[in-house]
Amino acid sequence: MGWYFYVLGALVLVAAIALVIVVILQEGNTKGVGVVSGGADTFFAKNKARSVDAFLRRFTKFFAVGFFVLVLAINVVAFFVTKGIIA
């Protein structure tokens, strides 16, 4: 097994851990609960585009795409190694 498997494996591990952390940090989807409990819309709720939750959503997409690309790269490298193209 070449050094590239170790590098790609480490990158996949870091991307997976980052993806899990970013997903866990996001708030749940609780639309309409404030109406039942008497809470009104706040300034924070009205400006979701600039909030921390929007930031976490963007990073979730970034880490998910990165994770997907790294897994594909590992599979492509493994395919070429089994065919004998890469030593």
PDB file of N, CA and C in Angstrom:
ATOM      1  N   MET A   1       0.856  -1.172   0.000  1.00  0.00           N
ATOM      2  CA  MET A   1       0.000   0.000   0.000  1.00  0.00           C
ATOM      3  C   MET A   1       0.899   1.231   0.000  1.00  0.00           C
ATOM      4  N   GLY A   2       0.588   2.148  -0.886  1.00  0.00           N
ATOM      5  CA  GLY A   2       1.408   3.340  -1.043  1.00  0.00           C
ATOM      6  C   GLY A   2       1.087   4.426  -0.027  1.00  0.00           C
ATOM      7  N   TRP A   3       1.939   5.427  -0.009  1.00  0.00           N
ATOM      8  CA  TRP A   3       1.780   6.545   0.919  1.00  0.00           C
ATOM      9  C   TRP A   3       0.513   7.334   0.622  1.00  0.00           C
ATOM     10  N   TYR A   4       0.075   7.307  -0.636  1.00  0.00           N
ATOM     11  CA  TYR A   4      -1.109   8.088  -1.025  1.00  0.00           C
ATOM     12  C   TYR A   4      -2.369   7.563  -0.357  1.00  0.00           C
ATOM     13  N   PHE A   5      -2.419   6.252  -0.054  1.00  0.00           N
ATOM     14  CA  PHE A   5      -3.584   5.729   0.664  1.00  0.00           C
ATOM     15  C   PHE A   5      -3.629   6.291   2.086  1.00  0.00           C
ATOM     16  N   TYR A   6      -2.473   6.434   2.704  1.00  0.00           N
ATOM     17  CA  TYR A   6      -2.429   6.980   4.052  1.00  0.00           C
ATOM     18  C   TYR A   6      -2.822   8.465   4.066  1.00  0.00           C
ATOM     19  N   VAL A   7      -2.349   9.194   3.071  1.00  0.00           N
ATOM     20  CA  VAL A   7      -2.680  10.622   3.001  1.00  0.00           C
ATOM     21  C   VAL A   7      -4.168  10.805   2.727  1.00  0.00           C
ATOM     22  N   LEU A   8      -4.684  10.095   1.727  1.00  0.00           N
ATOM     23  CA  LEU A   8      -6.109  10.217   1.413  1.00  0.00           C
ATOM     24  C   LEU A   8      -6.977   9.704   2.552  1.00  0.00           C
ATOM     25  N   GLY A   9      -6.551   8.635   3.213  1.00  0.00           N
ATOM     26  CA  GLY A   9      -7.301   8.115   4.361  1.00  0.00           C
ATOM     27  C   GLY A   9      -7.355   9.114   5.501  1.00  0.00           C
ATOM     28  N   ALA A  10      -6.237   9.775   5.760  1.00  0.00           N
ATOM     29  CA  ALA A  10      -6.207  10.788   6.817  1.00  0.00           C
ATOM     30  C   ALA A  10      -7.101  11.971   6.452  1.00  0.00           C
ATOM     31  N   LEU A  11      -7.084  12.372   5.185  1.00  0.00           N
ATOM     32  CA  LEU A  11      -7.946  13.478   4.756  1.00  0.00           C
ATOM     33  C   LEU A  11      -9.426  13.113   4.849  1.00  0.00           C
ATOM     34  N   VAL A  12      -9.764  11.869   4.505  1.00  0.00           N
ATOM     35  CA  VAL A  12     -11.151  11.421   4.628  1.00  0.00           C
ATOM     36  C   VAL A  12     -11.568  11.410   6.091  1.00  0.00           C
ATOM     37  N   LEU A  13     -10.688  10.971   6.963  1.00  0.00           N
ATOM     38  CA  LEU A  13     -10.999  10.952   8.389  1.00  0.00           C
ATOM     39  C   LEU A  13     -11.241  12.360   8.926  1.00  0.00           C
ATOM     40  N   VAL A  14     -10.388  13.301   8.550  1.00  0.00           N
ATOM     41  CA  VAL A  14     -10.552  14.696   8.993  1.00  0.00           C
ATOM     42  C   VAL A  14     -11.853  15.278   8.431  1.00  0.00           C
ATOM     43  N   ALA A  15     -12.138  15.015   7.158  1.00  0.00           N
ATOM     44  CA  ALA A  15     -13.369  15.532   6.551  1.00  0.00           C
ATOM     45  C   ALA A  15     -14.607  14.923   7.203  1.00  0.00           C
ATOM     46  N   ALA A  16     -14.562  13.632   7.540  1.00  0.00           N
ATOM     47  CA  ALA A  16     -15.701  12.980   8.188  1.00  0.00           C
ATOM     48  C   ALA A  16     -15.946  13.546   9.582  1.00  0.00           C
ATOM     49  N   ILE A  17     -14.884  13.743  10.339  1.00  0.00           N
ATOM     50  CA  ILE A  17     -15.034  14.304  11.683  1.00  0.00           C
ATOM     51  C   ILE A  17     -15.546  15.738  11.605  1.00  0.00           C
ATOM     52  N   ALA A  18     -15.015  16.518  10.683  1.00  0.00           N
ATOM     53  CA  ALA A  18     -15.485  17.901  10.519  1.00  0.00           C
ATOM     54  C   ALA A  18     -16.941  17.936  10.096  1.00  0.00           C
ATOM     55  N   LEU A  19     -17.343  17.041   9.212  1.00  0.00           N
ATOM     56  CA  LEU A  19     -18.730  16.990   8.760  1.00  0.00           C
ATOM     57  C   LEU A  19     -19.667  16.642   9.913  1.00  0.00           C
ATOM     58  N   VAL A  20     -19.283  15.682  10.723  1.00  0.00           N
ATOM     59  CA  VAL A  20     -20.111  15.304  11.874  1.00  0.00           C
ATOM     60  C   VAL A  20     -20.226  16.467  12.854  1.00  0.00           C
ATOM     61  N   ILE A  21     -19.124  17.140  13.141  1.00  0.00           N
ATOM     62  CA  ILE A  21     -19.153  18.254  14.088  1.00  0.00           C
ATOM     63  C   ILE A  21     -20.019  19.394  13.574  1.00  0.00           C
ATOM     64  N   VAL A  22     -19.892  19.729  12.301  1.00  0.00           N
ATOM     65  CA  VAL A  22     -20.682  20.830  11.737  1.00  0.00           C
ATOM     66  C   VAL A  22     -22.167  20.489  11.740  1.00  0.00           C
ATOM     67  N   VAL A  23     -22.511  19.239  11.455  1.00  0.00           N
ATOM     68  CA  VAL A  23     -23.922  18.842  11.467  1.00  0.00           C
ATOM     69  C   VAL A  23     -24.477  18.871  12.883  1.00  0.00           C
ATOM     70  N   ILE A  24     -23.693  18.424  13.853  1.00  0.00           N
ATOM     71  CA  ILE A  24     -24.163  18.415  15.244  1.00  0.00           C
ATOM     72  C   ILE A  24     -24.346  19.837  15.776  1.00  0.00           C
ATOM     73  N   LEU A  25     -23.526  20.773  15.333  1.00  0.00           N
ATOM     74  CA  LEU A  25     -23.622  22.148  15.818  1.00  0.00           C
ATOM     75  C   LEU A  25     -24.851  22.891  15.289  1.00  0.00           C
ATOM     76  N   GLN A  26     -25.463  22.395  14.234  1.00  0.00           N
ATOM     77  CA  GLN A  26     -26.620  23.091  13.667  1.00  0.00           C
ATOM     78  C   GLN A  26     -27.837  22.945  14.566  1.00  0.00           C
ATOM     79  N   GLU A  27     -28.671  23.967  14.507  1.00  0.00           N
ATOM     80  CA  GLU A  27     -29.909  23.927  15.281  1.00  0.00           C
ATOM     81  C   GLU A  27     -30.927  23.057  14.563  1.00  0.00           C
ATOM     82  N   GLY A  28     -31.855  22.537  15.320  1.00  0.00           N
ATOM     83  CA  GLY A  28     -32.921  21.743  14.739  1.00  0.00           C
ATOM     84  C   GLY A  28     -33.912  22.615  13.995  1.00  0.00           C
ATOM     85  N   ASN A  29     -34.702  21.988  13.168  1.00  0.00           N
ATOM     86  CA  ASN A  29     -35.713  22.706  12.403  1.00  0.00           C
ATOM     87  C   ASN A  29     -36.991  22.777  13.233  1.00  0.00           C
ATOM     88  N   THR A  30     -37.173  23.871  13.964  1.00  0.00           N
ATOM     89  CA  THR A  30     -38.316  24.016  14.860  1.00  0.00           C
ATOM     90  C   THR A  30     -39.175  25.197  14.433  1.00  0.00           C
ATOM     91  N   LYS A  31     -39.641  25.160  13.210  1.00  0.00           N
ATOM     92  CA  LYS A  31     -40.491  26.246  12.715  1.00  0.00           C
ATOM     93  C   LYS A  31     -41.866  26.154  13.379  1.00  0.00           C
ATOM     94  N   GLY A  32     -42.351  27.275  13.800  1.00  0.00           N
ATOM     95  CA  GLY A  32     -43.688  27.323  14.360  1.00  0.00           C
ATOM     96  C   GLY A  32     -43.753  27.045  15.844  1.00  0.00           C
ATOM     97  N   VAL A  33     -42.699  26.631  16.481  1.00  0.00           N
ATOM     98  CA  VAL A  33     -42.727  26.353  17.910  1.00  0.00           C
ATOM     99  C   VAL A  33     -42.831  27.655  18.698  1.00  0.00           C
ATOM    100  N   GLY A  34     -42.225  28.720  18.192  1.00  0.00           N
ATOM    101  CA  GLY A  34     -42.301  30.009  18.864  1.00  0.00           C
ATOM    102  C   GLY A  34     -43.722  30.541  18.937  1.00  0.00           C
ATOM    103  N   VAL A  35     -44.539  30.209  17.965  1.00  0.00           N
ATOM    104  CA  VAL A  35     -45.925  30.654  17.976  1.00  0.00           C
ATOM    105  C   VAL A  35     -46.689  29.977  19.106  1.00  0.00           C
ATOM    106  N   VAL A  36     -46.433  28.712  19.327  1.00  0.00           N
ATOM    107  CA  VAL A  36     -47.125  27.966  20.373  1.00  0.00           C
ATOM    108  C   VAL A  36     -46.702  28.456  21.747  1.00  0.00           C
ATOM    109  N   SER A  37     -45.414  28.722  21.928  1.00  0.00           N
ATOM    110  CA  SER A  37     -44.924  29.129  23.241  1.00  0.00           C
ATOM    111  C   SER A  37     -45.056  30.628  23.479  1.00  0.00           C
ATOM    112  N   GLY A  38     -45.517  31.365  22.500  1.00  0.00           N
ATOM    113  CA  GLY A  38     -45.713  32.794  22.672  1.00  0.00           C
ATOM    114  C   GLY A  38     -44.538  33.628  22.246  1.00  0.00           C
ATOM    115  N   GLY A  39     -43.506  33.030  21.729  1.00  0.00           N
ATOM    116  CA  GLY A  39     -42.328  33.775  21.296  1.00  0.00           C
ATOM    117  C   GLY A  39     -42.574  34.463  19.960  1.00  0.00           C
ATOM    118  N   ALA A  40     -42.070  35.650  19.830  1.00  0.00           N
ATOM    119  CA  ALA A  40     -42.215  36.397  18.576  1.00  0.00           C
ATOM    120  C   ALA A  40     -40.935  36.275  17.770  1.00  0.00           C
ATOM    121  N   ASP A  41     -40.992  36.687  16.507  1.00  0.00           N
ATOM    122  CA  ASP A  41     -39.797  36.692  15.675  1.00  0.00           C
ATOM    123  C   ASP A  41     -38.806  37.701  16.233  1.00  0.00           C
ATOM    124  N   THR A  42     -37.578  37.274  16.332  1.00  0.00           N
ATOM    125  CA  THR A  42     -36.531  38.157  16.825  1.00  0.00           C
ATOM    126  C   THR A  42     -35.704  38.653  15.647  1.00  0.00           C
ATOM    127  N   PHE A  43     -34.821  39.567  15.936  1.00  0.00           N
ATOM    128  CA  PHE A  43     -33.925  40.075  14.901  1.00  0.00           C
ATOM    129  C   PHE A  43     -33.053  38.948  14.364  1.00  0.00           C
ATOM    130  N   PHE A  44     -32.613  38.065  15.262  1.00  0.00           N
ATOM    131  CA  PHE A  44     -31.777  36.935  14.854  1.00  0.00           C
ATOM    132  C   PHE A  44     -32.542  36.006  13.920  1.00  0.00           C
ATOM    133  N   ALA A  45     -33.807  35.766  14.199  1.00  0.00           N
ATOM    134  CA  ALA A  45     -34.601  34.868  13.361  1.00  0.00           C
ATOM    135  C   ALA A  45     -34.884  35.479  11.993  1.00  0.00           C
ATOM    136  N   LYS A  46     -35.003  36.788  11.930  1.00  0.00           N
ATOM    137  CA  LYS A  46     -35.297  37.440  10.652  1.00  0.00           C
ATOM    138  C   LYS A  46     -34.078  37.524   9.751  1.00  0.00           C
ATOM    139  N   ASN A  47     -32.892  37.473  10.312  1.00  0.00           N
ATOM    140  CA  ASN A  47     -31.658  37.589   9.537  1.00  0.00           C
ATOM    141  C   ASN A  47     -30.905  36.263   9.510  1.00  0.00           C
ATOM    142  N   LYS A  48     -31.578  35.220   9.087  1.00  0.00           N
ATOM    143  CA  LYS A  48     -30.970  33.893   9.051  1.00  0.00           C
ATOM    144  C   LYS A  48     -29.814  33.816   8.058  1.00  0.00           C
ATOM    145  N   ALA A  49     -29.842  34.608   7.003  1.00  0.00           N
ATOM    146  CA  ALA A  49     -28.796  34.532   5.985  1.00  0.00           C
ATOM    147  C   ALA A  49     -27.433  34.899   6.562  1.00  0.00           C
ATOM    148  N   ARG A  50     -27.410  35.751   7.570  1.00  0.00           N
ATOM    149  CA  ARG A  50     -26.147  36.177   8.165  1.00  0.00           C
ATOM    150  C   ARG A  50     -25.883  35.507   9.507  1.00  0.00           C
ATOM    151  N   SER A  51     -26.659  34.531   9.846  1.00  0.00           N
ATOM    152  CA  SER A  51     -26.536  33.921  11.168  1.00  0.00           C
ATOM    153  C   SER A  51     -25.497  32.807  11.178  1.00  0.00           C
ATOM    154  N   VAL A  52     -25.254  32.307  12.343  1.00  0.00           N
ATOM    155  CA  VAL A  52     -24.315  31.201  12.519  1.00  0.00           C
ATOM    156  C   VAL A  52     -24.851  29.944  11.839  1.00  0.00           C
ATOM    157  N   ASP A  53     -26.163  29.768  11.871  1.00  0.00           N
ATOM    158  CA  ASP A  53     -26.761  28.586  11.251  1.00  0.00           C
ATOM    159  C   ASP A  53     -26.535  28.579   9.736  1.00  0.00           C
ATOM    160  N   ALA A  54     -26.624  29.722   9.112  1.00  0.00           N
ATOM    161  CA  ALA A  54     -26.358  29.800   7.670  1.00  0.00           C
ATOM    162  C   ALA A  54     -24.893  29.507   7.388  1.00  0.00           C
ATOM    163  N   PHE A  55     -24.016  29.981   8.251  1.00  0.00           N
ATOM    164  CA  PHE A  55     -22.593  29.689   8.124  1.00  0.00           C
ATOM    165  C   PHE A  55     -22.339  28.185   8.232  1.00  0.00           C
ATOM    166  N   LEU A  56     -22.986  27.536   9.193  1.00  0.00           N
ATOM    167  CA  LEU A  56     -22.813  26.102   9.369  1.00  0.00           C
ATOM    168  C   LEU A  56     -23.391  25.316   8.198  1.00  0.00           C
ATOM    169  N   ARG A  57     -24.484  25.795   7.625  1.00  0.00           N
ATOM    170  CA  ARG A  57     -25.050  25.121   6.450  1.00  0.00           C
ATOM    171  C   ARG A  57     -24.085  25.168   5.272  1.00  0.00           C
ATOM    172  N   ARG A  58     -23.453  26.321   5.065  1.00  0.00           N
ATOM    173  CA  ARG A  58     -22.475  26.427   3.974  1.00  0.00           C
ATOM    174  C   ARG A  58     -21.296  25.495   4.208  1.00  0.00           C
ATOM    175  N   PHE A  59     -20.805  25.437   5.431  1.00  0.00           N
ATOM    176  CA  PHE A  59     -19.685  24.558   5.724  1.00  0.00           C
ATOM    177  C   PHE A  59     -20.085  23.092   5.630  1.00  0.00           C
ATOM    178  N   THR A  60     -21.329  22.763   5.953  1.00  0.00           N
ATOM    179  CA  THR A  60     -21.801  21.393   5.790  1.00  0.00           C
ATOM    180  C   THR A  60     -21.729  20.984   4.329  1.00  0.00           C
ATOM    181  N   LYS A  61     -22.164  21.863   3.452  1.00  0.00           N
ATOM    182  CA  LYS A  61     -22.093  21.560   2.019  1.00  0.00           C
ATOM    183  C   LYS A  61     -20.640  21.420   1.568  1.00  0.00           C
ATOM    184  N   PHE A  62     -19.783  22.297   2.039  1.00  0.00           N
ATOM    185  CA  PHE A  62     -18.368  22.256   1.682  1.00  0.00           C
ATOM    186  C   PHE A  62     -17.719  20.946   2.123  1.00  0.00           C
ATOM    187  N   PHE A  63     -17.936  20.550   3.381  1.00  0.00           N
ATOM    188  CA  PHE A  63     -17.337  19.326   3.885  1.00  0.00           C
ATOM    189  C   PHE A  63     -17.957  18.086   3.249  1.00  0.00           C
ATOM    190  N   ALA A  64     -19.241  18.114   2.931  1.00  0.00           N
ATOM    191  CA  ALA A  64     -19.877  16.967   2.280  1.00  0.00           C
ATOM    192  C   ALA A  64     -19.309  16.757   0.876  1.00  0.00           C
ATOM    193  N   VAL A  65     -19.149  17.832   0.128  1.00  0.00           N
ATOM    194  CA  VAL A  65     -18.562  17.721  -1.215  1.00  0.00           C
ATOM    195  C   VAL A  65     -17.107  17.268  -1.119  1.00  0.00           C
ATOM    196  N   GLY A  66     -16.368  17.815  -0.177  1.00  0.00           N
ATOM    197  CA  GLY A  66     -14.983  17.405   0.015  1.00  0.00           C
ATOM    198  C   GLY A  66     -14.859  15.935   0.386  1.00  0.00           C
ATOM    199  N   PHE A  67     -15.734  15.477   1.268  1.00  0.00           N
ATOM    200  CA  PHE A  67     -15.749  14.071   1.660  1.00  0.00           C
ATOM    201  C   PHE A  67     -16.047  13.178   0.464  1.00  0.00           C
ATOM    202  N   PHE A  68     -17.022  13.569  -0.333  1.00  0.00           N
ATOM    203  CA  PHE A  68     -17.406  12.805  -1.521  1.00  0.00           C
ATOM    204  C   PHE A  68     -16.251  12.727  -2.512  1.00  0.00           C
ATOM    205  N   VAL A  69     -15.597  13.836  -2.754  1.00  0.00           N
ATOM    206  CA  VAL A  69     -14.474  13.867  -3.701  1.00  0.00           C
ATOM    207  C   VAL A  69     -13.314  13.015  -3.195  1.00  0.00           C
ATOM    208  N   LEU A  70     -13.031  13.071  -1.897  1.00  0.00           N
ATOM    209  CA  LEU A  70     -11.938  12.267  -1.350  1.00  0.00           C
ATOM    210  C   LEU A  70     -12.231  10.772  -1.433  1.00  0.00           C
ATOM    211  N   VAL A  71     -13.469  10.378  -1.162  1.00  0.00           N
ATOM    212  CA  VAL A  71     -13.827   8.964  -1.270  1.00  0.00           C
ATOM    213  C   VAL A  71     -13.716   8.502  -2.717  1.00  0.00           C
ATOM    214  N   LEU A  72     -14.159   9.326  -3.656  1.00  0.00           N
ATOM    215  CA  LEU A  72     -13.988   8.980  -5.064  1.00  0.00           C
ATOM    216  C   LEU A  72     -12.515   8.869  -5.435  1.00  0.00           C
ATOM    217  N   ALA A  73     -11.690   9.767  -4.928  1.00  0.00           N
ATOM    218  CA  ALA A  73     -10.257   9.724  -5.224  1.00  0.00           C
ATOM    219  C   ALA A  73      -9.629   8.440  -4.692  1.00  0.00           C
ATOM    220  N   ILE A  74     -10.016   8.021  -3.503  1.00  0.00           N
ATOM    221  CA  ILE A  74      -9.483   6.770  -2.958  1.00  0.00           C
ATOM    222  C   ILE A  74      -9.881   5.591  -3.836  1.00  0.00           C
ATOM    223  N   ASN A  75     -11.119   5.579  -4.293  1.00  0.00           N
ATOM    224  CA  ASN A  75     -11.571   4.476  -5.140  1.00  0.00           C
ATOM    225  C   ASN A  75     -10.880   4.473  -6.497  1.00  0.00           C
ATOM    226  N   VAL A  76     -10.648   5.633  -7.067  1.00  0.00           N
ATOM    227  CA  VAL A  76      -9.949   5.711  -8.348  1.00  0.00           C
ATOM    228  C   VAL A  76      -8.506   5.242  -8.194  1.00  0.00           C
ATOM    229  N   VAL A  77      -7.838   5.676  -7.138  1.00  0.00           N
ATOM    230  CA  VAL A  77      -6.457   5.251  -6.894  1.00  0.00           C
ATOM    231  C   VAL A  77      -6.413   3.742  -6.660  1.00  0.00           C
ATOM    232  N   ALA A  78      -7.351   3.223  -5.883  1.00  0.00           N
ATOM    233  CA  ALA A  78      -7.382   1.780  -5.627  1.00  0.00           C
ATOM    234  C   ALA A  78      -7.619   1.004  -6.914  1.00  0.00           C
ATOM    235  N   PHE A  79      -8.443   1.515  -7.805  1.00  0.00           N
ATOM    236  CA  PHE A  79      -8.689   0.858  -9.085  1.00  0.00           C
ATOM    237  C   PHE A  79      -7.413   0.786  -9.908  1.00  0.00           C
ATOM    238  N   PHE A  80      -6.688   1.893  -9.980  1.00  0.00           N
ATOM    239  CA  PHE A  80      -5.459   1.915 -10.769  1.00  0.00           C
ATOM    240  C   PHE A  80      -4.367   1.056 -10.138  1.00  0.00           C
ATOM    241  N   VAL A  81      -4.344   0.964  -8.812  1.00  0.00           N
ATOM    242  CA  VAL A  81      -3.357   0.118  -8.155  1.00  0.00           C
ATOM    243  C   VAL A  81      -3.646  -1.348  -8.448  1.00  0.00           C
ATOM    244  N   THR A  82      -4.905  -1.743  -8.403  1.00  0.00           N
ATOM    245  CA  THR A  82      -5.240  -3.148  -8.669  1.00  0.00           C
ATOM    246  C   THR A  82      -5.002  -3.521 -10.129  1.00  0.00           C
ATOM    247  N   LYS A  83      -5.094  -2.576 -11.031  1.00  0.00           N
ATOM    248  CA  LYS A  83      -4.804  -2.831 -12.444  1.00  0.00           C
ATOM    249  C   LYS A  83      -3.318  -2.798 -12.751  1.00  0.00           C
ATOM    250  N   GLY A  84      -2.516  -2.370 -11.802  1.00  0.00           N
ATOM    251  CA  GLY A  84      -1.080  -2.328 -11.986  1.00  0.00           C
ATOM    252  C   GLY A  84      -0.572  -1.089 -12.680  1.00  0.00           C
ATOM    253  N   ILE A  85      -1.419  -0.088 -12.854  1.00  0.00           N
ATOM    254  CA  ILE A  85      -1.010   1.152 -13.520  1.00  0.00           C
ATOM    255  C   ILE A  85      -0.168   2.012 -12.575  1.00  0.00           C
ATOM    256  N   ILE A  86      -0.556   2.041 -11.312  1.00  0.00           N
ATOM    257  CA  ILE A  86       0.202   2.780 -10.285  1.00  0.00           C
ATOM    258  C   ILE A  86       0.867   1.742  -9.392  1.00  0.00           C
ATOM    259  N   ALA A  87       2.126   1.936  -9.102  1.00  0.00           N
ATOM    260  CA  ALA A  87       2.858   0.971  -8.272  1.00  0.00           C
ATOM    261  C   ALA A  87       2.603   1.212  -6.808  1.00  0.00           C
TER     262      ALA A  87
END
